[in-house]
């Protein structure tokens, strides 16, 4: 079967619906995934994108044709689908394109117990589709609808002591995506007051893209936090597996600081545990981990790498700069809602403004991850390696170069001709200087 190879990404399958990703493609993916997953039942969840009903029907058909049953858990966030996979010990597929624009859609795949279906397996799936390795032993009436939400809610709430939660005023921006359904469920029986922004599910995303990692998509949240004099604000991406925070002054909080805060939270309860963090998080994370008698373990960027290291080391928690936070007691899966609850508990217990709390973690200046169009990424990375040969270098993920007062990392995109730059310094002035210097070099032909 001919299939657009570009839809098979490093961690998921994603493309423009009707162009790169069709119903026929979905049926093929379902059929081959059912063979590779090697279980008699597969869970399917989906977000609110307009093409999801058609994709669900085709995906389920492909799975049923392979002689495998489907459990339909309906409209959910990705972390709910991961939880269902762990809780029921079944493979699962989430139909979503996460933060991408409305015309996109795709699939996040996981094996039983929320084990990642990583890049190697995704490439194997692609190859089998191209070779027409399909099974046709159809099951009829083999789709069962089940409600996972009560068990999911119970799982989320076990991470906090609900008695610690105070009557905070919280602005939540769902971006017309799945958090609009899930946030009320999570906070329904807590004393907090949720001020909703764009909770209506709408796959057209009429207000802004559900991509809070981009500062332009936080503007409405920041304004509303100030207007309502809220305790803090939180914004979720399209499939609500990532969350970003702003303080009561409307200032966006760097994801690395959230990783540090959560690491300290766990280490105060669990002595000498291991914490995983991705290399973009910055120096504050390992500093806080070591200060609190934890073991800091650095990782490549990407959920499959983080989860693999967490499994091997039995780490209690892992975090990424990009708003993904992973929990050992949540099948090592990431969960924005668990993260939101823990941050709510921390602010309640400390009884201080969030801006005051984060001062203890604000020691460095860090740029937003910056992408540059570079056709030959390997050559450019080699040039930078030679240019900054006097720094301490490592190649864990792209090129990282460290100096006494600043460091940077450049990584090639897995799917596009882009170089991604992250950079941190001990002062804003130095950060700006080095950012200008690096971008000038990166964009030179």
Protein backbone atom coordinates (compact mmCIF):
# COMPACT_ATOMS: atom_id res chain seq x y z
CA UNK A 1 0.00 0.00 0.00
CA UNK A 2 1.29 3.45 -0.87
CA UNK A 3 1.45 5.72 2.15
CA UNK A 4 3.01 9.13 2.80
CA UNK A 5 6.22 8.34 4.74
CA UNK A 6 6.35 11.86 6.22
CA UNK A 7 3.48 11.12 8.62
CA UNK A 8 5.62 8.68 10.61
CA UNK A 9 7.34 10.94 13.15
CA UNK A 10 9.82 10.10 15.91
CA UNK A 11 7.17 9.64 18.61
CA UNK A 12 3.82 9.46 16.80
CA UNK A 13 1.99 9.51 13.47
CA UNK A 14 0.80 12.90 12.27
CA UNK A 15 -0.26 14.69 9.07
CA UNK A 16 -2.88 16.80 7.33
CA UNK A 17 -6.19 14.93 7.28
CA UNK A 18 -7.47 14.03 3.83
CA UNK A 19 -4.09 14.77 2.29
CA UNK A 20 -1.30 13.01 4.18
CA UNK A 21 -3.53 11.05 6.54
CA UNK A 22 -6.70 9.45 5.13
CA UNK A 23 -9.37 7.10 6.47
CA UNK A 24 -7.80 4.32 4.41
CA UNK A 25 -4.44 5.07 6.03
CA UNK A 26 -6.07 4.89 9.47
CA UNK A 27 -7.58 1.49 8.70
CA UNK A 28 -4.17 0.18 7.61
CA UNK A 29 -2.47 1.58 10.72
CA UNK A 30 -5.10 -0.03 12.95
CA UNK A 31 -4.70 -3.41 11.27
CA UNK A 32 -0.91 -3.55 11.47
CA UNK A 33 -0.74 -2.04 14.97
CA UNK A 34 -3.14 -4.76 16.17
CA UNK A 35 -0.70 -7.37 14.88
CA UNK A 36 2.34 -5.73 16.48
CA UNK A 37 0.59 -5.06 19.80
CA UNK A 38 -0.21 -8.79 20.07
CA UNK A 39 -3.24 -8.42 22.37
CA UNK A 40 -6.89 -9.35 21.95
CA UNK A 41 -8.15 -5.85 22.83
CA UNK A 42 -6.98 -2.31 22.03
CA UNK A 43 -8.15 0.92 23.72
CA UNK A 44 -8.96 3.96 21.58
CA UNK A 45 -9.39 7.52 22.86
CA UNK A 46 -9.83 10.69 20.83
CA UNK A 47 -9.85 14.46 21.20
CA UNK A 48 -12.32 16.95 19.73
CA UNK A 49 -10.82 17.39 16.25
CA UNK A 50 -13.41 17.46 13.48
CA UNK A 51 -11.99 14.44 11.64
CA UNK A 52 -11.85 12.20 14.69
CA UNK A 53 -15.15 10.36 14.26
CA UNK A 54 -14.22 9.29 10.73
CA UNK A 55 -10.69 8.31 11.79
CA UNK A 56 -12.03 6.36 14.77
CA UNK A 57 -14.39 4.37 12.53
CA UNK A 58 -11.61 3.50 10.08
CA UNK A 59 -9.02 2.77 12.78
CA UNK A 60 -11.42 0.49 14.67
CA UNK A 61 -12.34 -1.27 11.42
CA UNK A 62 -8.69 -2.04 10.74
CA UNK A 63 -8.24 -3.39 14.27
CA UNK A 64 -11.42 -5.50 14.07
CA UNK A 65 -10.32 -6.88 10.69
CA UNK A 66 -7.21 -8.17 12.44
CA UNK A 67 -9.49 -10.13 14.79
CA UNK A 68 -8.94 -7.74 17.71
CA UNK A 69 -11.58 -6.03 19.86
CA UNK A 70 -11.75 -2.29 20.56
CA UNK A 71 -12.59 -0.47 23.79
CA UNK A 72 -13.84 3.03 22.98
CA UNK A 73 -13.21 5.45 25.87
CA UNK A 74 -14.62 8.41 23.94
CA UNK A 75 -13.56 12.06 24.13
CA UNK A 76 -10.55 12.16 26.46
CA UNK A 77 -7.11 13.71 26.95
CA UNK A 78 -3.99 11.79 25.96
CA UNK A 79 -3.00 11.19 29.58
CA UNK A 80 -6.34 9.42 30.11
CA UNK A 81 -5.58 7.09 27.20
CA UNK A 82 -2.15 6.39 28.71
CA UNK A 83 -3.78 5.72 32.07
CA UNK A 84 -6.29 3.31 30.48
CA UNK A 85 -3.38 1.45 28.87
CA UNK A 86 -1.66 1.10 32.23
CA UNK A 87 -4.75 0.43 34.32
CA UNK A 88 -6.21 -2.22 31.99
CA UNK A 89 -2.80 -3.52 30.81
CA UNK A 90 -3.80 -3.04 27.18
CA UNK A 91 -2.32 -1.36 24.10
CA UNK A 92 -3.91 1.99 23.28
CA UNK A 93 -4.22 4.58 20.53
CA UNK A 94 -5.01 8.24 21.05
CA UNK A 95 -6.41 10.04 17.99
CA UNK A 96 -4.94 13.53 18.17
CA UNK A 97 -2.56 15.97 16.53
CA UNK A 98 -1.79 17.58 19.89
CA UNK A 99 -1.04 21.30 19.39
CA UNK A 100 -1.09 21.28 15.57
CA UNK A 101 -3.56 23.40 13.53
CA UNK A 102 -7.11 22.22 12.87
CA UNK A 103 -6.42 20.51 9.53
CA UNK A 104 -3.96 18.10 11.17
CA UNK A 105 -4.63 14.80 12.89
CA UNK A 106 -2.74 11.70 13.94
CA UNK A 107 -2.18 8.88 16.39
CA UNK A 108 -0.21 8.40 19.60
CA UNK A 109 0.46 4.69 20.08
CA UNK A 110 1.32 2.77 23.22
CA UNK A 111 1.79 -0.88 24.05
CA UNK A 112 0.21 -2.55 27.08
CA UNK A 113 0.95 -0.92 30.46
CA UNK A 114 1.63 2.44 28.74
CA UNK A 115 4.95 1.24 27.29
CA UNK A 116 6.02 3.63 24.51
CA UNK A 117 5.62 2.56 20.89
CA UNK A 118 8.86 4.27 19.87
CA UNK A 119 10.57 5.30 16.66
CA UNK A 120 11.88 1.83 15.76
CA UNK A 121 8.43 0.26 16.13
CA UNK A 122 6.78 3.12 14.22
CA UNK A 123 9.18 2.52 11.32
CA UNK A 124 8.41 -1.21 11.44
CA UNK A 125 4.69 -0.43 11.29
CA UNK A 126 5.28 1.78 8.24
CA UNK A 127 7.28 -0.93 6.48
CA UNK A 128 4.61 -3.59 7.07
CA UNK A 129 1.91 -1.29 5.67
CA UNK A 130 4.02 -0.65 2.59
CA UNK A 131 4.39 -4.42 2.19
CA UNK A 132 0.59 -4.95 2.47
CA UNK A 133 0.97 -7.16 5.54
CA UNK A 134 -2.71 -7.00 6.47
CA UNK A 135 -4.95 -9.56 8.20
CA UNK A 136 -8.60 -10.01 7.24
CA UNK A 137 -10.40 -12.06 9.89
CA UNK A 138 -13.09 -9.53 10.80
CA UNK A 139 -14.88 -9.40 14.13
CA UNK A 140 -18.38 -7.94 14.05
CA UNK A 141 -19.89 -5.83 16.85
CA UNK A 142 -16.47 -5.82 18.46
CA UNK A 143 -16.46 -2.24 19.80
CA UNK A 144 -17.25 -1.79 23.50
CA UNK A 145 -17.73 1.60 25.13
CA UNK A 146 -16.29 1.92 28.64
CA UNK A 147 -15.99 4.82 31.08
CA UNK A 148 -12.45 5.12 32.45
CA UNK A 149 -13.02 8.57 34.01
CA UNK A 150 -13.90 7.54 37.62
CA UNK A 151 -10.74 5.41 37.90
CA UNK A 152 -8.68 8.12 36.22
CA UNK A 153 -9.94 10.76 38.65
CA UNK A 154 -9.16 8.54 41.63
CA UNK A 155 -5.64 8.01 40.28
CA UNK A 156 -4.98 11.73 39.82
CA UNK A 157 -6.20 12.68 43.27
CA UNK A 158 -4.02 10.07 45.00
CA UNK A 159 -0.97 12.22 44.18
CA UNK A 160 -2.05 14.97 46.57
CA UNK A 161 -3.66 15.40 49.97
CA UNK A 162 -6.94 17.11 49.06
CA UNK A 163 -7.17 18.52 52.61
CA UNK A 164 -4.16 20.70 51.82
CA UNK A 165 -5.92 22.51 48.98
CA UNK A 166 -7.06 26.05 49.78
CA UNK A 167 -9.62 28.25 48.03
CA UNK A 168 -7.29 29.50 45.32
CA UNK A 169 -8.59 31.34 42.29
CA UNK A 170 -7.16 29.68 39.18
CA UNK A 171 -7.54 30.70 35.55
CA UNK A 172 -7.40 27.71 33.19
CA UNK A 173 -7.04 28.13 29.43
CA UNK A 174 -8.17 25.02 27.57
CA UNK A 175 -7.77 26.52 24.10
CA UNK A 176 -11.14 25.02 23.06
CA UNK A 177 -9.50 21.62 23.48
CA UNK A 178 -9.72 18.60 25.80
CA UNK A 179 -8.80 20.36 29.05
CA UNK A 180 -12.22 22.03 28.76
CA UNK A 181 -13.78 18.67 29.58
CA UNK A 182 -11.16 17.32 31.99
CA UNK A 183 -10.31 20.31 34.24
CA UNK A 184 -13.86 20.59 35.67
CA UNK A 185 -13.82 16.85 36.39
CA UNK A 186 -10.51 17.12 38.26
CA UNK A 187 -11.32 20.27 40.27
CA UNK A 188 -15.03 19.63 40.81
CA UNK A 189 -14.73 18.56 44.46
CA UNK A 190 -11.87 20.85 45.48
CA UNK A 191 -12.30 24.26 47.16
CA UNK A 192 -10.53 26.11 44.32
CA UNK A 193 -12.42 28.45 42.03
CA UNK A 194 -11.69 27.72 38.37
CA UNK A 195 -12.11 30.65 35.97
CA UNK A 196 -12.53 28.98 32.57
CA UNK A 197 -11.04 30.30 29.35
CA UNK A 198 -12.18 28.65 26.11
CA UNK A 199 -13.59 25.48 27.67
CA UNK A 200 -16.01 24.88 24.79
CA UNK A 201 -14.73 21.95 22.72
CA UNK A 202 -14.17 23.23 19.20
CA UNK A 203 -11.81 21.61 16.70
CA UNK A 204 -11.65 24.86 14.73
CA UNK A 205 -9.72 26.50 17.61
CA UNK A 206 -11.46 29.88 17.14
CA UNK A 207 -9.53 31.79 19.83
CA UNK A 208 -5.91 30.66 19.53
CA UNK A 209 -3.88 27.57 18.71
CA UNK A 210 -3.77 25.07 21.60
CA UNK A 211 0.02 25.42 21.75
CA UNK A 212 0.92 27.17 25.02
CA UNK A 213 4.64 26.63 24.52
CA UNK A 214 4.39 29.63 22.16
CA UNK A 215 4.20 32.83 24.19
CA UNK A 216 1.63 34.43 21.84
CA UNK A 217 -0.90 31.79 22.91
CA UNK A 218 -0.53 32.73 26.59
CA UNK A 219 -1.57 36.36 26.17
CA UNK A 220 -5.28 35.85 26.97
CA UNK A 221 -4.42 33.77 30.03
CA UNK A 222 -1.99 36.39 31.32
CA UNK A 223 -4.51 39.21 30.87
CA UNK A 224 -7.25 37.23 32.61
CA UNK A 225 -5.04 36.32 35.58
CA UNK A 226 -4.35 40.02 36.14
CA UNK A 227 -7.96 41.07 35.58
CA UNK A 228 -9.35 38.45 37.97
CA UNK A 229 -6.51 38.86 40.51
CA UNK A 230 -6.09 35.11 40.35
CA UNK A 231 -3.58 33.04 42.33
CA UNK A 232 -2.10 31.67 39.10
CA UNK A 233 -2.98 30.52 35.61
CA UNK A 234 -2.47 27.33 33.65
CA UNK A 235 -2.71 26.58 29.93
CA UNK A 236 -3.04 23.19 28.28
CA UNK A 237 -2.21 21.97 24.80
CA UNK A 238 -4.72 20.37 22.39
CA UNK A 239 -4.74 16.86 23.84
CA UNK A 240 -4.13 18.17 27.39
CA UNK A 241 -1.04 16.12 28.14
CA UNK A 242 1.09 19.27 28.61
CA UNK A 243 0.56 22.20 30.95
CA UNK A 244 2.22 25.61 31.30
CA UNK A 245 1.90 28.05 34.19
CA UNK A 246 1.83 31.81 34.76
CA UNK A 247 2.13 33.45 38.17
CA UNK A 248 -0.26 35.93 39.77
CA UNK A 249 1.59 38.77 38.03
CA UNK A 250 0.89 37.20 34.66
CA UNK A 251 4.50 36.13 34.09
CA UNK A 252 5.06 32.86 32.23
CA UNK A 253 7.08 30.31 34.20
CA UNK A 254 9.89 28.42 32.51
CA UNK A 255 9.21 24.67 32.27
CA UNK A 256 12.59 23.90 33.84
CA UNK A 257 11.58 25.77 36.99
CA UNK A 258 8.42 23.66 37.21
CA UNK A 259 10.58 20.52 36.89
CA UNK A 260 12.76 21.80 39.75
CA UNK A 261 9.74 22.60 41.96
CA UNK A 262 8.23 19.15 41.37
CA UNK A 263 11.58 17.43 41.94
CA UNK A 264 11.88 19.13 45.32
CA UNK A 265 8.26 18.21 46.15
CA UNK A 266 8.95 14.51 45.62
CA UNK A 267 12.38 14.49 47.27
CA UNK A 268 11.04 16.03 50.47
CA UNK A 269 8.70 13.04 50.71
CA UNK A 270 10.98 10.35 49.28
CA UNK A 271 14.65 10.50 50.27
CA UNK A 272 17.40 9.72 47.75
CA UNK A 273 15.07 9.06 44.79
CA UNK A 274 16.13 9.44 41.18
CA UNK A 275 14.79 12.29 39.04
CA UNK A 276 15.05 12.39 35.24
CA UNK A 277 15.25 15.70 33.36
CA UNK A 278 15.86 16.56 29.73
CA UNK A 279 19.04 18.40 28.79
CA UNK A 280 17.18 21.65 27.96
CA UNK A 281 15.96 22.16 31.53
CA UNK A 282 18.98 24.11 32.68
CA UNK A 283 21.26 24.04 35.71
CA UNK A 284 18.60 24.81 38.29
CA UNK A 285 17.13 21.30 38.00
CA UNK A 286 20.23 19.24 38.93
CA UNK A 287 21.15 21.83 41.56
CA UNK A 288 17.78 21.49 43.30
CA UNK A 289 17.85 17.68 43.02
CA UNK A 290 21.30 17.43 44.60
CA UNK A 291 20.43 19.99 47.28
CA UNK A 292 17.49 17.79 48.28
CA UNK A 293 19.53 14.57 48.39
CA UNK A 294 18.20 13.20 45.13
CA UNK A 295 19.97 11.63 42.18
CA UNK A 296 19.84 13.74 39.01
CA UNK A 297 19.85 11.85 35.70
CA UNK A 298 19.98 13.75 32.43
CA UNK A 299 18.15 12.46 29.34
CA UNK A 300 17.70 13.11 25.66
CA UNK A 301 14.57 15.02 24.68
CA UNK A 302 11.50 12.85 24.05
CA UNK A 303 9.02 10.80 26.03
CA UNK A 304 10.31 7.39 24.86
CA UNK A 305 13.82 8.20 26.14
CA UNK A 306 12.56 9.60 29.46
CA UNK A 307 10.25 6.62 30.09
CA UNK A 308 12.96 4.10 29.17
CA UNK A 309 15.39 5.64 31.67
CA UNK A 310 12.66 5.88 34.31
CA UNK A 311 11.93 2.18 33.92
CA UNK A 312 15.60 1.22 34.08
CA UNK A 313 16.43 3.41 37.09
CA UNK A 314 13.01 3.23 38.83
CA UNK A 315 13.03 7.03 38.99
CA UNK A 316 10.06 8.56 40.82
CA UNK A 317 9.63 11.54 38.48
CA UNK A 318 10.78 12.92 35.16
CA UNK A 319 10.27 16.29 33.50
CA UNK A 320 10.84 18.09 30.22
CA UNK A 321 11.17 21.79 29.43
CA UNK A 322 8.30 21.38 26.95
CA UNK A 323 5.65 20.87 29.66
CA UNK A 324 5.66 17.05 29.88
CA UNK A 325 5.86 15.68 33.43
CA UNK A 326 6.17 11.93 34.09
CA UNK A 327 5.22 9.97 37.20
CA UNK A 328 6.42 6.52 38.25
CA UNK A 329 3.12 5.82 39.99
CA UNK A 330 1.24 6.75 36.83
CA UNK A 331 2.78 3.96 34.75
CA UNK A 332 5.67 6.35 34.04
CA UNK A 333 3.31 8.29 31.76
CA UNK A 334 3.06 12.06 31.56
CA UNK A 335 0.04 13.83 33.00
CA UNK A 336 -0.81 17.52 32.87
CA UNK A 337 -3.66 17.07 35.35
CA UNK A 338 -1.53 15.40 38.02
CA UNK A 339 0.98 18.23 37.54
CA UNK A 340 -1.73 20.88 37.89
CA UNK A 341 -2.95 19.28 41.12
CA UNK A 342 0.53 19.09 42.66
CA UNK A 343 1.30 22.73 41.80
CA UNK A 344 -2.07 23.69 43.31
CA UNK A 345 -1.16 21.82 46.51
CA UNK A 346 2.31 23.41 46.70
CA UNK A 347 0.90 26.94 46.38
CA UNK A 348 -1.82 26.16 48.92
CA UNK A 349 0.65 24.79 51.46
CA UNK A 350 3.24 27.53 51.11
CA UNK A 351 0.51 30.18 51.32
CA UNK A 352 2.67 32.56 49.29
CA UNK A 353 2.27 34.13 45.84
CA UNK A 354 3.65 31.93 43.09
CA UNK A 355 6.00 34.74 42.03
CA UNK A 356 7.55 34.60 45.51
CA UNK A 357 7.82 30.80 45.47
CA UNK A 358 9.69 30.71 42.17
CA UNK A 359 12.28 33.28 43.29
CA UNK A 360 14.17 30.42 44.95
CA UNK A 361 14.48 28.76 41.54
CA UNK A 362 15.14 31.81 39.36
CA UNK A 363 18.91 31.98 39.11
CA UNK A 364 19.45 31.84 35.37
CA UNK A 365 18.17 33.45 32.19
CA UNK A 366 16.97 31.12 29.46
CA UNK A 367 15.71 31.76 25.93
CA UNK A 368 12.60 30.18 24.42
CA UNK A 369 13.57 27.26 22.22
CA UNK A 370 14.34 28.92 18.87
CA UNK A 371 14.09 27.16 15.50
CA UNK A 372 16.16 28.07 12.43
CA UNK A 373 15.74 26.71 8.92
CA UNK A 374 18.98 24.86 8.13
CA UNK A 375 19.23 22.45 5.18
CA UNK A 376 22.38 20.67 6.28
CA UNK A 377 22.01 20.34 10.03
CA UNK A 378 24.93 17.93 10.49
CA UNK A 379 27.35 20.29 8.79
CA UNK A 380 26.12 23.25 10.83
CA UNK A 381 26.47 21.33 14.10
CA UNK A 382 30.01 20.37 13.07
CA UNK A 383 30.81 24.05 12.41
CA UNK A 384 29.53 25.02 15.86
CA UNK A 385 31.48 22.19 17.45
CA UNK A 386 34.69 23.55 15.94
CA UNK A 387 33.84 27.18 16.75
CA UNK A 388 33.18 26.43 20.43
CA UNK A 389 35.88 23.81 20.91
CA UNK A 390 37.14 25.58 24.05
CA UNK A 391 33.90 24.72 25.91
CA UNK A 392 32.95 21.49 27.64
CA UNK A 393 31.11 19.51 24.95
CA UNK A 394 28.83 16.48 24.89
CA UNK A 395 26.77 14.81 22.17
CA UNK A 396 23.95 13.22 24.18
CA UNK A 397 21.36 14.95 22.01
CA UNK A 398 22.76 17.13 19.25
CA UNK A 399 25.58 19.33 20.59
CA UNK A 400 25.75 20.80 24.08
CA UNK A 401 28.56 23.21 24.95
CA UNK A 402 29.06 24.47 28.51
CA UNK A 403 31.03 27.43 29.82
CA UNK A 404 31.31 28.81 33.32
CA UNK A 405 28.56 31.43 32.87
CA UNK A 406 26.50 30.06 29.97
CA UNK A 407 25.67 26.98 27.90
CA UNK A 408 23.82 26.14 24.72
CA UNK A 409 22.39 23.11 22.94
CA UNK A 410 21.57 22.67 19.24
CA UNK A 411 19.53 19.69 18.03
CA UNK A 412 18.29 18.74 14.59
CA UNK A 413 14.55 18.28 14.19
CA UNK A 414 13.49 14.68 13.52
CA UNK A 415 10.94 15.73 10.92
CA UNK A 416 11.93 19.12 9.43
CA UNK A 417 15.02 20.97 8.18
CA UNK A 418 15.31 22.83 11.46
CA UNK A 419 17.97 23.38 14.09
CA UNK A 420 16.58 23.94 17.59
CA UNK A 421 18.58 26.25 19.87
CA UNK A 422 18.37 26.33 23.66
CA UNK A 423 20.61 28.63 25.66
CA UNK A 424 21.02 29.70 29.29
CA UNK A 425 23.22 32.27 31.01
CA UNK A 426 23.84 33.78 34.43
CA UNK A 427 22.58 37.23 33.30
CA UNK A 428 20.03 38.58 30.86
CA UNK A 429 22.71 40.62 29.10
CA UNK A 430 24.93 37.60 28.51
CA UNK A 431 21.94 35.52 27.40
CA UNK A 432 20.96 38.10 24.77
CA UNK A 433 24.54 38.48 23.55
CA UNK A 434 25.07 34.76 23.13
CA UNK A 435 21.64 34.24 21.55
CA UNK A 436 22.45 36.88 18.91
CA UNK A 437 25.90 35.35 18.38
CA UNK A 438 24.61 31.79 17.95
CA UNK A 439 21.68 32.67 15.69
CA UNK A 440 23.97 34.69 13.44
CA UNK A 441 26.28 31.68 13.07
CA UNK A 442 23.42 29.23 12.61
CA UNK A 443 21.80 31.30 9.86
CA UNK A 444 25.02 31.90 7.91
CA UNK A 445 25.20 29.93 4.65
